[in-house]
């Protein structure tokens, strides 16, 4: 039963007062108590560092690596490398996530059932990795933005995208995805947000309704790449769980999202990167639209929208930058916190909750809880040397600041010394420790 004593604790919403002790039993947190007196024998002395929920990214493509803009423009993504190589990229991404302090991710699409297979491999202790909410293919329609033209390049087996037409065919696609281990269905409702083929609608209303209803019948969630206001309003009305991007969000959309409980992943690092590198016009991104979406974040936060951390990490700018902000490299995912935290009207605690408490609500289904430090929650935790509320950039410097990663009550990264390792042994799962120094 690991005891983490003498810790500053951010519980997923706020920093708790004083110094605290967190007790873990098995894979659960069982108690949070004010710390007083000496550290108990056998406990881990956190030494005043920050204990907080493990970070969670809510828009991840685990198989994107050295992903070129040219691939998406001229080829069908998901076929650029053999399936086994793309799975190896996914295994590497899991390691990068853990080393960055991320103990969970919600997938935003992948090829070859990689999310679901990574989740199986992690559950069977074949590889170390984060908690995963598995996504699958992009679901689309014939001739939509991901299927337009290039008919002579159709594949016998799909890459990242599959398409069908009509409610009955969509119902079958959704059920097949879920049968293959998918927990979140991804659709492209509209273009925008740096997509080449500008359309306001990729699916008919009855197709979207069927996808959402079928997924919910089987306990799955639905997320949509959607940027146009009219399509956002339609998707929210039909019960969509999560909006990816949402470039044309406004007060009306925000009110609808709050009423429906819709999550939002703004993912602004991608359009910001296009603007900074001079590729924005080429992909339909304007400074005015970017500034608008950025300005709506404090409005959405104040209204109660559950905003989430996550972006299109892919190595897309690797050939242009030595330090690509969207590469799958240790520390890159954590850059989002300081980026969003610099926006007027957002506090550090607000932004940190996007990658902990809010993200946990999408990552796992009730009655499980993750992304918070409270009794009964799953023990996915990290130790940070410093105060992230005072300096969110700490989360982009894990080599310096990240001292421990705990997944399901087990230390998978321990830079705190032998006492922490004893806690691993007591959990009965020492073989899962990465023992990174």
Protein backbone atom coordinates (compact mmCIF):
# COMPACT_ATOMS: atom_id res chain seq x y z
CA UNK A 1 0.00 0.00 0.00
CA UNK A 2 2.13 2.96 -1.22
CA UNK A 3 1.85 6.12 0.86
CA UNK A 4 2.95 9.38 -0.78
CA UNK A 5 3.70 11.78 2.03
CA UNK A 6 4.68 15.43 2.41
CA UNK A 7 3.32 16.50 -0.99
CA UNK A 8 1.88 19.66 -2.43
CA UNK A 9 -1.30 18.27 -4.08
CA UNK A 10 -3.10 19.59 -7.16
CA UNK A 11 -6.28 17.50 -7.18
CA UNK A 12 -7.29 18.12 -10.80
CA UNK A 13 -9.20 21.30 -10.01
CA UNK A 14 -7.20 23.25 -7.44
CA UNK A 15 -4.12 23.13 -5.26
CA UNK A 16 -5.00 21.76 -1.84
CA UNK A 17 -3.83 23.82 1.13
CA UNK A 18 -0.70 22.87 3.03
CA UNK A 19 1.16 19.59 2.75
CA UNK A 20 -0.73 16.33 2.23
CA UNK A 21 -0.36 12.56 2.29
CA UNK A 22 -2.05 10.42 -0.36
CA UNK A 23 -2.63 6.72 0.31
CA UNK A 24 -2.98 4.27 -2.56
CA UNK A 25 -4.33 0.74 -2.25
CA UNK A 26 -4.09 -1.43 -5.34
CA UNK A 27 -5.02 0.75 -8.30
CA UNK A 28 -7.10 3.22 -6.26
CA UNK A 29 -6.58 6.28 -4.13
CA UNK A 30 -8.12 5.57 -0.74
CA UNK A 31 -7.31 8.66 1.34
CA UNK A 32 -5.96 12.22 1.24
CA UNK A 33 -4.91 13.56 4.62
CA UNK A 34 -3.10 16.64 5.87
CA UNK A 35 0.55 15.79 6.42
CA UNK A 36 1.89 16.34 9.91
CA UNK A 37 5.00 15.11 11.66
CA UNK A 38 7.69 12.86 10.22
CA UNK A 39 7.21 10.78 7.08
CA UNK A 40 5.89 7.32 8.08
CA UNK A 41 8.25 4.38 7.74
CA UNK A 42 8.00 2.81 4.29
CA UNK A 43 6.24 5.83 2.80
CA UNK A 44 7.52 7.81 -0.19
CA UNK A 45 8.70 11.25 0.86
CA UNK A 46 7.57 13.58 -1.92
CA UNK A 47 9.61 16.29 -0.20
CA UNK A 48 7.23 19.15 -0.91
CA UNK A 49 7.10 18.55 -4.65
CA UNK A 50 3.75 18.59 -6.50
CA UNK A 51 1.71 15.41 -6.65
CA UNK A 52 -1.00 15.67 -9.28
CA UNK A 53 -3.11 13.51 -11.58
CA UNK A 54 -1.28 12.12 -14.56
CA UNK A 55 -1.74 14.30 -17.63
CA UNK A 56 -4.21 13.23 -20.33
CA UNK A 57 -4.22 14.28 -23.96
CA UNK A 58 -7.62 14.07 -25.62
CA UNK A 59 -6.69 14.27 -29.31
CA UNK A 60 -3.98 11.80 -30.28
CA UNK A 61 -3.02 9.92 -33.43
CA UNK A 62 -0.50 7.38 -32.09
CA UNK A 63 0.64 6.15 -35.51
CA UNK A 64 1.49 9.55 -37.03
CA UNK A 65 5.24 9.97 -37.31
CA UNK A 66 7.17 12.05 -39.84
CA UNK A 67 3.70 12.66 -41.24
CA UNK A 68 3.93 14.89 -44.30
CA UNK A 69 1.34 17.42 -45.40
CA UNK A 70 1.96 16.06 -48.89
CA UNK A 71 0.76 12.59 -47.86
CA UNK A 72 -2.67 13.86 -46.85
CA UNK A 73 -2.88 15.98 -49.99
CA UNK A 74 -2.04 13.28 -52.53
CA UNK A 75 -2.36 9.88 -50.85
CA UNK A 76 -4.66 8.07 -48.45
CA UNK A 77 -3.22 8.38 -44.90
CA UNK A 78 -2.58 5.17 -43.03
CA UNK A 79 -0.85 3.42 -45.90
CA UNK A 80 2.43 5.33 -45.94
CA UNK A 81 4.19 2.53 -44.01
CA UNK A 82 3.46 -1.17 -43.41
CA UNK A 83 1.01 -1.94 -40.56
CA UNK A 84 3.71 -3.47 -38.37
CA UNK A 85 5.89 -0.38 -38.66
CA UNK A 86 2.94 1.84 -37.81
CA UNK A 87 2.25 -0.28 -34.74
CA UNK A 88 5.89 0.15 -33.73
CA UNK A 89 5.36 3.90 -34.02
CA UNK A 90 2.37 3.51 -31.70
CA UNK A 91 4.49 1.64 -29.15
CA UNK A 92 7.07 4.43 -29.33
CA UNK A 93 4.32 7.03 -28.84
CA UNK A 94 3.18 5.26 -25.66
CA UNK A 95 6.70 5.55 -24.29
CA UNK A 96 6.92 9.23 -25.25
CA UNK A 97 3.62 9.88 -23.48
CA UNK A 98 4.77 8.27 -20.24
CA UNK A 99 8.11 10.07 -20.31
CA UNK A 100 6.19 13.31 -20.78
CA UNK A 101 4.00 12.69 -17.73
CA UNK A 102 0.91 11.64 -19.68
CA UNK A 103 -0.81 8.61 -18.18
CA UNK A 104 -3.77 8.63 -20.54
CA UNK A 105 -4.91 9.48 -24.04
CA UNK A 106 -8.19 9.56 -25.92
CA UNK A 107 -7.61 8.58 -29.52
CA UNK A 108 -8.73 10.78 -32.40
CA UNK A 109 -8.29 8.13 -35.16
CA UNK A 110 -5.69 5.63 -36.28
CA UNK A 111 -5.11 3.02 -38.93
CA UNK A 112 -5.03 -0.76 -38.46
CA UNK A 113 -6.89 -0.79 -35.08
CA UNK A 114 -3.70 0.48 -33.42
CA UNK A 115 -5.44 2.16 -30.46
CA UNK A 116 -7.37 -0.99 -29.56
CA UNK A 117 -4.32 -3.24 -30.01
CA UNK A 118 -2.08 -0.96 -27.93
CA UNK A 119 -4.71 -1.06 -25.20
CA UNK A 120 -4.69 -4.87 -25.28
CA UNK A 121 -0.89 -5.05 -25.16
CA UNK A 122 -0.75 -2.66 -22.19
CA UNK A 123 -3.48 -4.55 -20.32
CA UNK A 124 -1.52 -7.79 -20.75
CA UNK A 125 1.74 -6.15 -19.56
CA UNK A 126 3.38 -6.72 -22.94
CA UNK A 127 4.39 -3.07 -23.14
CA UNK A 128 4.17 -0.16 -20.70
CA UNK A 129 1.77 2.54 -21.72
CA UNK A 130 -0.92 5.02 -20.77
CA UNK A 131 -4.60 4.45 -20.16
CA UNK A 132 -6.30 4.56 -23.57
CA UNK A 133 -9.75 5.36 -24.87
CA UNK A 134 -9.49 3.68 -28.25
CA UNK A 135 -10.57 5.38 -31.44
CA UNK A 136 -10.58 3.80 -34.89
CA UNK A 137 -10.91 4.96 -38.46
CA UNK A 138 -12.29 8.25 -39.65
CA UNK A 139 -15.85 7.44 -40.74
CA UNK A 140 -16.81 9.30 -43.90
CA UNK A 141 -18.88 9.22 -47.07
CA UNK A 142 -18.11 8.62 -50.72
CA UNK A 143 -16.52 11.69 -52.27
CA UNK A 144 -16.19 13.66 -49.03
CA UNK A 145 -13.11 15.65 -48.00
CA UNK A 146 -11.15 12.48 -47.16
CA UNK A 147 -12.45 10.47 -50.12
CA UNK A 148 -12.64 13.04 -52.90
CA UNK A 149 -11.08 12.09 -56.22
CA UNK A 150 -8.18 9.65 -56.37
CA UNK A 151 -10.66 6.84 -57.06
CA UNK A 152 -7.86 4.89 -58.76
CA UNK A 153 -6.00 4.76 -55.44
CA UNK A 154 -8.64 2.92 -53.44
CA UNK A 155 -7.28 0.19 -51.23
CA UNK A 156 -8.47 -3.33 -50.63
CA UNK A 157 -7.93 -2.67 -46.93
CA UNK A 158 -8.45 0.74 -45.32
CA UNK A 159 -5.85 3.14 -44.04
CA UNK A 160 -7.02 5.82 -41.64
CA UNK A 161 -10.34 6.39 -43.45
CA UNK A 162 -13.35 4.24 -44.27
CA UNK A 163 -16.50 5.43 -45.99
CA UNK A 164 -20.10 4.37 -46.48
CA UNK A 165 -23.36 5.98 -47.58
CA UNK A 166 -26.77 6.04 -45.97
CA UNK A 167 -27.93 5.29 -42.43
CA UNK A 168 -27.95 1.50 -42.76
CA UNK A 169 -24.39 1.36 -44.07
CA UNK A 170 -23.22 3.78 -41.37
CA UNK A 171 -24.88 1.68 -38.68
CA UNK A 172 -22.94 -1.35 -39.88
CA UNK A 173 -19.65 0.59 -39.94
CA UNK A 174 -20.14 1.81 -36.37
CA UNK A 175 -20.95 -1.68 -35.11
CA UNK A 176 -17.92 -3.12 -36.89
CA UNK A 177 -15.65 -0.46 -35.34
CA UNK A 178 -16.98 -1.21 -31.86
CA UNK A 179 -16.58 -4.93 -32.47
CA UNK A 180 -12.89 -4.30 -33.14
CA UNK A 181 -12.39 -2.58 -29.79
CA UNK A 182 -13.18 1.04 -30.65
CA UNK A 183 -14.63 3.13 -27.82
CA UNK A 184 -14.87 6.45 -29.65
CA UNK A 185 -16.22 6.84 -33.17
CA UNK A 186 -14.59 9.65 -35.18
CA UNK A 187 -16.42 11.42 -37.99
CA UNK A 188 -15.60 14.33 -40.29
CA UNK A 189 -18.78 16.41 -40.21
CA UNK A 190 -17.22 19.39 -42.00
CA UNK A 191 -13.89 20.57 -43.33
CA UNK A 192 -11.93 23.54 -42.01
CA UNK A 193 -9.12 23.80 -39.45
CA UNK A 194 -6.40 23.42 -42.02
CA UNK A 195 -8.13 20.91 -44.29
CA UNK A 196 -7.55 21.38 -48.00
CA UNK A 197 -11.03 20.69 -49.37
CA UNK A 198 -13.39 23.28 -47.94
CA UNK A 199 -16.94 21.95 -47.52
CA UNK A 200 -19.59 22.75 -44.97
CA UNK A 201 -21.08 19.26 -44.90
CA UNK A 202 -19.53 15.82 -45.35
CA UNK A 203 -22.43 13.73 -44.04
CA UNK A 204 -26.19 14.01 -44.21
CA UNK A 205 -28.15 14.68 -41.04
CA UNK A 206 -29.66 11.19 -40.96
CA UNK A 207 -26.19 9.61 -41.35
CA UNK A 208 -24.82 11.63 -38.41
CA UNK A 209 -27.88 10.81 -36.28
CA UNK A 210 -27.51 7.11 -37.04
CA UNK A 211 -23.81 7.10 -36.15
CA UNK A 212 -24.42 8.82 -32.83
CA UNK A 213 -27.44 6.73 -31.88
CA UNK A 214 -25.77 3.45 -32.83
CA UNK A 215 -22.59 4.31 -30.93
CA UNK A 216 -24.52 5.31 -27.82
CA UNK A 217 -26.58 2.11 -27.97
CA UNK A 218 -23.33 0.16 -27.72
CA UNK A 219 -21.75 2.36 -25.03
CA UNK A 220 -19.35 4.22 -27.36
CA UNK A 221 -18.85 7.98 -27.71
CA UNK A 222 -18.67 10.05 -30.89
CA UNK A 223 -16.28 12.87 -31.70
CA UNK A 224 -16.38 15.01 -34.82
CA UNK A 225 -13.90 17.08 -36.80
CA UNK A 226 -16.24 20.04 -37.24
CA UNK A 227 -15.46 23.72 -37.72
CA UNK A 228 -18.57 25.33 -39.23
CA UNK A 229 -21.12 26.80 -36.84
CA UNK A 230 -24.18 25.29 -38.52
CA UNK A 231 -22.66 21.81 -38.45
CA UNK A 232 -21.59 22.22 -34.83
CA UNK A 233 -25.12 23.17 -33.83
CA UNK A 234 -26.54 20.21 -35.74
CA UNK A 235 -24.08 17.74 -34.22
CA UNK A 236 -24.71 19.03 -30.69
CA UNK A 237 -28.45 18.74 -31.22
CA UNK A 238 -28.01 15.13 -32.35
CA UNK A 239 -26.03 14.22 -29.22
CA UNK A 240 -22.38 14.47 -30.29
CA UNK A 241 -20.01 13.93 -27.35
CA UNK A 242 -16.95 15.93 -28.44
CA UNK A 243 -16.17 18.70 -30.91
CA UNK A 244 -12.69 18.66 -32.41
CA UNK A 245 -11.48 22.14 -33.45
CA UNK A 246 -14.73 24.16 -33.56
CA UNK A 247 -13.21 27.16 -35.33
CA UNK A 248 -16.52 29.07 -35.67
CA UNK A 249 -17.56 28.63 -32.05
CA UNK A 250 -19.57 31.56 -30.68
CA UNK A 251 -21.89 32.37 -27.79
CA UNK A 252 -24.76 30.36 -29.27
CA UNK A 253 -22.60 27.29 -29.80
CA UNK A 254 -21.16 27.64 -26.30
CA UNK A 255 -24.66 27.78 -24.77
CA UNK A 256 -25.65 24.64 -26.68
CA UNK A 257 -22.47 22.83 -25.59
CA UNK A 258 -23.04 23.70 -21.93
CA UNK A 259 -26.64 22.47 -22.05
CA UNK A 260 -25.67 19.23 -23.80
CA UNK A 261 -22.45 18.62 -21.87
CA UNK A 262 -20.38 18.54 -25.07
CA UNK A 263 -16.58 18.43 -24.74
CA UNK A 264 -14.34 20.70 -26.84
CA UNK A 265 -10.76 20.14 -28.05
CA UNK A 266 -9.73 23.45 -29.67
CA UNK A 267 -6.30 22.15 -30.80
CA UNK A 268 -4.92 25.55 -31.71
CA UNK A 269 -1.24 24.59 -31.91
CA UNK A 270 -1.75 23.26 -35.45
CA UNK A 271 -3.25 26.45 -36.98
CA UNK A 272 -0.83 28.56 -34.95
CA UNK A 273 2.04 26.57 -36.49
CA UNK A 274 0.63 27.04 -39.99
CA UNK A 275 0.40 30.78 -39.41
CA UNK A 276 3.89 31.03 -37.97
CA UNK A 277 5.44 29.06 -40.84
CA UNK A 278 3.55 30.84 -43.61
CA UNK A 279 1.41 27.91 -44.75
CA UNK A 280 -1.93 29.18 -43.41
CA UNK A 281 -3.48 30.46 -46.65
CA UNK A 282 -2.59 27.21 -48.40
CA UNK A 283 -4.75 25.31 -45.91
CA UNK A 284 -7.60 27.75 -45.45
CA UNK A 285 -6.45 29.09 -42.06
CA UNK A 286 -6.72 32.82 -41.44
CA UNK A 287 -5.32 34.96 -38.65
CA UNK A 288 -8.81 36.35 -38.04
CA UNK A 289 -10.33 32.88 -37.54
CA UNK A 290 -7.47 31.78 -35.31
CA UNK A 291 -7.74 34.93 -33.20
CA UNK A 292 -11.50 34.47 -32.92
CA UNK A 293 -11.25 30.88 -31.69
CA UNK A 294 -8.50 31.82 -29.24
CA UNK A 295 -10.60 34.69 -27.88
CA UNK A 296 -13.58 32.39 -27.32
CA UNK A 297 -11.65 30.08 -24.97
CA UNK A 298 -12.10 32.25 -21.81
CA UNK A 299 -15.77 32.73 -22.74
CA UNK A 300 -16.29 28.98 -23.03
CA UNK A 301 -14.37 28.34 -19.81
CA UNK A 302 -16.46 30.87 -17.87
CA UNK A 303 -19.67 29.34 -19.26
CA UNK A 304 -18.71 25.85 -18.12
CA UNK A 305 -17.69 24.10 -21.34
CA UNK A 306 -15.43 21.13 -20.65
CA UNK A 307 -12.36 22.07 -22.66
CA UNK A 308 -9.60 19.51 -23.27
CA UNK A 309 -5.89 19.45 -24.11
CA UNK A 310 -4.81 17.71 -27.33
CA UNK A 311 -3.65 18.41 -30.87
CA UNK A 312 -2.62 16.83 -34.18
CA UNK A 313 0.86 15.64 -33.18
CA UNK A 314 2.44 14.05 -36.20
CA UNK A 315 5.91 15.40 -36.95
CA UNK A 316 4.21 17.34 -39.73
CA UNK A 317 6.75 20.19 -39.63
CA UNK A 318 9.82 18.06 -39.00
CA UNK A 319 11.35 18.91 -42.37
CA UNK A 320 10.88 22.63 -41.70
CA UNK A 321 11.81 23.02 -38.04
CA UNK A 322 14.51 21.60 -35.83
CA UNK A 323 12.08 21.88 -32.91
CA UNK A 324 8.70 20.89 -34.38
CA UNK A 325 6.00 21.70 -31.78
CA UNK A 326 3.78 18.96 -33.21
CA UNK A 327 6.32 16.15 -33.24
CA UNK A 328 5.84 13.11 -31.01
CA UNK A 329 8.82 14.03 -28.83
CA UNK A 330 9.19 14.02 -25.05
CA UNK A 331 7.95 17.33 -23.66
CA UNK A 332 6.03 18.52 -26.72
CA UNK A 333 2.56 17.57 -25.50
CA UNK A 334 3.13 19.58 -22.32
CA UNK A 335 3.77 22.78 -24.27
CA UNK A 336 0.03 23.26 -24.67
CA UNK A 337 -0.43 24.15 -21.01
CA UNK A 338 1.79 27.23 -21.12
CA UNK A 339 0.40 28.20 -24.53
CA UNK A 340 -3.20 28.24 -23.31
CA UNK A 341 -2.22 29.58 -19.90
CA UNK A 342 -0.87 32.74 -21.55
CA UNK A 343 -4.36 33.69 -22.80
CA UNK A 344 -5.97 36.51 -20.84
CA UNK A 345 -8.95 35.29 -18.85
CA UNK A 346 -7.64 31.77 -18.26
CA UNK A 347 -5.95 30.74 -15.03
CA UNK A 348 -3.26 28.12 -14.70
CA UNK A 349 -5.66 25.93 -12.70
CA UNK A 350 -8.27 26.24 -15.48
CA UNK A 351 -5.85 25.05 -18.13
CA UNK A 352 -4.36 22.34 -15.96
CA UNK A 353 -7.86 20.95 -15.38
CA UNK A 354 -8.26 20.56 -19.16
CA UNK A 355 -5.52 17.95 -19.11
CA UNK A 356 -6.58 16.27 -15.85
CA UNK A 357 -10.11 16.50 -14.42
CA UNK A 358 -11.94 17.39 -17.65
CA UNK A 359 -9.91 14.93 -19.72
CA UNK A 360 -10.56 12.15 -17.23
CA UNK A 361 -14.30 12.58 -17.66
CA UNK A 362 -13.95 11.75 -21.35
CA UNK A 363 -11.25 9.11 -20.96
CA UNK A 364 -13.15 6.70 -18.72
CA UNK A 365 -16.80 5.94 -18.20
CA UNK A 366 -18.55 6.16 -14.87
CA UNK A 367 -18.33 4.85 -12.22
CA UNK A 368 -14.54 4.97 -12.76
CA UNK A 369 -12.81 8.28 -12.17
CA UNK A 370 -9.44 9.44 -13.39
CA UNK A 371 -7.73 12.81 -13.70
CA UNK A 372 -8.47 13.68 -10.08
CA UNK A 373 -6.94 12.99 -6.69
CA UNK A 374 -9.82 11.93 -4.50
CA UNK A 375 -10.86 8.76 -2.68
CA UNK A 376 -11.98 6.03 -5.08
CA UNK A 377 -10.25 7.51 -8.13
CA UNK A 378 -7.82 5.45 -10.17
CA UNK A 379 -4.23 6.06 -9.08
CA UNK A 380 -2.71 7.58 -12.22
CA UNK A 381 -0.37 10.20 -10.76
CA UNK A 382 2.78 12.19 -11.44
CA UNK A 383 5.28 14.01 -9.23
CA UNK A 384 6.55 17.37 -10.52
CA UNK A 385 9.51 19.18 -9.00
CA UNK A 386 8.08 22.69 -8.73
CA UNK A 387 4.66 24.33 -8.81
CA UNK A 388 2.91 24.00 -12.19
CA UNK A 389 0.38 26.64 -11.19
CA UNK A 390 3.22 29.13 -10.89
CA UNK A 391 4.99 27.90 -14.04
CA UNK A 392 3.01 25.80 -16.52
CA UNK A 393 6.10 25.46 -18.71
CA UNK A 394 7.42 22.90 -16.21
CA UNK A 395 5.16 20.39 -17.95
CA UNK A 396 7.06 20.89 -21.20
CA UNK A 397 10.38 20.09 -19.48
CA UNK A 398 9.89 16.57 -18.08
CA UNK A 399 13.60 15.74 -18.16
CA UNK A 400 14.05 18.49 -15.61
CA UNK A 401 10.78 18.50 -13.66
CA UNK A 402 9.13 15.06 -13.91
CA UNK A 403 10.23 12.89 -10.98
CA UNK A 404 7.72 10.03 -11.01
CA UNK A 405 4.90 8.55 -13.05
CA UNK A 406 2.42 6.20 -11.39
CA UNK A 407 -0.07 4.21 -13.46
CA UNK A 408 -2.75 2.11 -11.73
CA UNK A 409 -0.90 2.54 -8.43
CA UNK A 410 2.41 1.34 -9.89
CA UNK A 411 5.56 3.42 -10.40
CA UNK A 412 6.39 3.18 -14.10
CA UNK A 413 8.94 5.98 -13.89
CA UNK A 414 10.93 6.54 -10.68
CA UNK A 415 13.47 9.30 -10.38
CA UNK A 416 12.94 9.64 -6.65
CA UNK A 417 15.13 6.82 -5.37
CA UNK A 418 14.87 3.40 -3.76
CA UNK A 419 11.99 4.22 -1.39
CA UNK A 420 9.68 4.71 -4.32
CA UNK A 421 10.87 1.43 -5.80
CA UNK A 422 9.83 -0.34 -2.61
CA UNK A 423 6.35 1.01 -3.21
CA UNK A 424 6.38 -0.71 -6.57
CA UNK A 425 7.35 -4.04 -5.03
CA UNK A 426 4.53 -3.82 -2.55
CA UNK A 427 2.08 -3.38 -5.42
CA UNK A 428 3.03 -6.77 -6.83
CA UNK A 429 3.81 -5.33 -10.26
CA UNK A 430 7.48 -4.44 -10.23
CA UNK A 431 7.88 -5.85 -13.73
CA UNK A 432 5.91 -2.92 -15.07
CA UNK A 433 8.39 -0.29 -13.91
CA UNK A 434 10.38 1.49 -16.58
CA UNK A 435 12.93 2.56 -13.96
CA UNK A 436 13.96 5.58 -16.00
CA UNK A 437 16.63 7.74 -14.37
